[in-house]
Protein backbone atom coordinates (compact mmCIF):
# COMPACT_ATOMS: atom_id res chain seq x y z
CA MET A 1 8.19 -29.20 -11.37
CA LEU A 2 5.06 -26.52 -11.58
CA SER A 3 3.15 -25.60 -14.69
CA ARG A 4 3.52 -22.23 -16.44
CA GLN A 5 -0.10 -21.27 -14.80
CA ASP A 6 1.22 -22.29 -11.46
CA ARG A 7 4.20 -20.48 -11.66
CA PHE A 8 2.16 -17.23 -12.80
CA LEU A 9 -0.26 -17.54 -10.18
CA GLU A 10 2.48 -17.66 -7.63
CA LEU A 11 4.13 -14.40 -9.50
CA GLN A 12 0.34 -12.63 -9.33
CA ARG A 13 0.44 -14.01 -5.56
CA ARG A 14 3.76 -12.51 -5.13
CA PHE A 15 2.86 -9.20 -6.74
CA VAL A 16 -0.10 -8.47 -4.43
CA LEU A 17 1.84 -8.92 -1.53
CA GLU A 18 4.46 -6.52 -2.46
CA ALA A 19 1.62 -4.24 -3.58
CA ARG A 20 0.23 -4.10 0.05
CA ASP A 21 3.38 -2.57 0.84
CA SER A 22 3.65 -0.77 -1.78
CA VAL A 23 0.35 1.25 -0.67
CA ARG A 24 1.09 1.61 3.02
CA ASP A 25 4.38 3.18 2.07
CA LEU A 26 2.69 5.52 -0.50
CA ARG A 27 -0.11 6.21 2.28
CA ARG A 28 2.79 7.02 5.11
CA MET A 29 4.17 9.36 2.72
CA ALA A 30 0.93 11.22 1.74
CA GLU A 31 -0.20 11.38 5.15
CA ALA A 32 3.33 12.77 6.58
CA ALA A 33 3.38 15.56 3.63
CA ALA A 34 2.23 19.15 4.60
CA GLU A 35 0.37 18.77 1.00
CA LEU A 36 1.88 16.69 -1.02
CA PRO A 37 5.03 14.60 -1.25
CA VAL A 38 8.21 16.86 -1.60
CA GLY A 39 12.01 15.91 -2.08
CA PRO A 40 12.85 12.74 -2.36
CA ASP A 41 9.88 11.33 -1.40
CA ALA A 42 8.06 12.83 -4.33
CA ALA A 43 9.90 10.97 -6.47
CA ARG A 44 9.80 7.58 -4.39
CA PHE A 45 6.03 8.46 -4.40
CA ARG A 46 5.69 8.50 -8.51
CA LYS A 47 7.99 5.42 -8.92
CA LEU A 48 5.46 3.71 -6.48
CA ALA A 49 2.27 4.69 -8.08
CA HIS A 50 3.63 4.06 -11.44
CA ASP A 51 5.02 0.40 -10.54
CA LEU A 52 1.94 -0.42 -9.69
CA ARG A 53 0.38 1.18 -12.50
CA GLY A 54 2.45 -0.90 -14.87
CA ALA A 55 2.43 -4.32 -13.10
CA GLY A 56 -1.14 -4.04 -12.34
CA GLY A 57 -1.62 -4.85 -15.88
CA ALA A 58 0.93 -7.02 -16.21
CA PHE A 59 -0.05 -9.58 -14.00
CA GLY A 60 -3.71 -9.76 -14.79
CA PHE A 61 -5.05 -6.76 -12.49
CA PRO A 62 -6.91 -3.98 -14.45
CA ASP A 63 -8.27 -2.32 -11.31
CA VAL A 64 -4.90 -1.65 -9.52
CA SER A 65 -3.70 -0.71 -12.67
CA ALA A 66 -5.85 1.66 -13.37
CA ARG A 67 -6.36 3.01 -9.40
CA ALA A 68 -2.69 3.18 -9.47
CA ALA A 69 -2.82 5.69 -12.80
CA ALA A 70 -5.39 7.66 -10.83
CA VAL A 71 -2.50 8.20 -7.73
CA GLU A 72 0.18 8.76 -10.25
CA ASP A 73 -1.51 11.18 -12.48
CA GLY A 74 -3.14 12.84 -9.69
CA PHE A 75 0.10 13.34 -7.84
CA ALA A 76 1.80 14.37 -11.11
CA SER A 77 -1.07 17.20 -11.83
CA GLY A 78 -0.02 18.57 -8.84
CA LYS A 79 -4.18 20.17 -8.92
CA CYS A 80 -4.62 17.03 -6.70
CA GLY A 81 -4.98 18.01 -2.81
CA LYS A 82 -3.36 15.96 -0.19
CA GLN A 83 -6.76 14.77 0.83
CA ASP A 84 -8.14 13.84 -2.78
CA LEU A 85 -4.91 12.08 -2.66
CA LEU A 86 -5.69 10.14 0.16
CA ALA A 87 -8.91 8.69 -1.46
CA SER A 88 -7.48 7.98 -4.46
CA ILE A 89 -4.66 5.47 -2.59
CA ASP A 90 -7.69 4.22 -0.47
CA LEU A 91 -9.28 3.11 -3.33
CA LEU A 92 -5.87 1.44 -4.88
CA ASP A 93 -5.72 -0.11 -1.43
CA ARG A 94 -9.36 -1.68 -2.16
CA ALA A 95 -8.00 -2.75 -5.75
CA ILE A 96 -5.44 -4.30 -3.98
CA GLU A 97 -7.48 -5.94 -1.31
CA ASP A 98 -9.94 -7.64 -4.04
CA ALA A 99 -7.15 -8.98 -5.86
CA ALA A 100 -5.77 -10.78 -2.43
CA LYS A 101 -8.62 -12.61 -2.19
CA ARG A 102 -8.18 -14.76 -5.39
CA PHE A 103 -4.82 -16.11 -3.53
CA ASP A 104 -6.92 -16.54 0.13
CA LEU A 105 -4.92 -13.65 1.51
CA ASP A 106 -7.54 -11.85 3.65
CA GLY A 107 -5.81 -10.17 6.37
CA ALA A 108 -2.16 -12.04 6.19
CA ALA A 109 0.68 -10.05 6.83
CA PRO A 110 2.67 -10.28 3.57
CA GLY A 111 5.38 -12.60 3.23
CA THR A 112 3.24 -15.29 5.89
CA ARG A 113 1.87 -17.31 2.62
């Protein structure tokens, strides 16, 4: 039986793997939009960023939370251009990859470990 700490570490690892997928989706939506994601993609984009913002902090990754907040807030303000939004997503991606280093996930495809 796993200890509480081991269970939490496994939850953190899963979060990081899923966060990689989320940031890929954020980038895809931002790149596909002429300016900022609109319509159904706008709601999904904001939800992904919002969920990463909350879960990052809950799972002990404050940098992921802060970077996701910048993506969400930049998008929600409507003042963030596409290139600024992509730059914020890049910073979020780096924060997630820094978190992945805790779990020896460098370069691992999601779900392979």
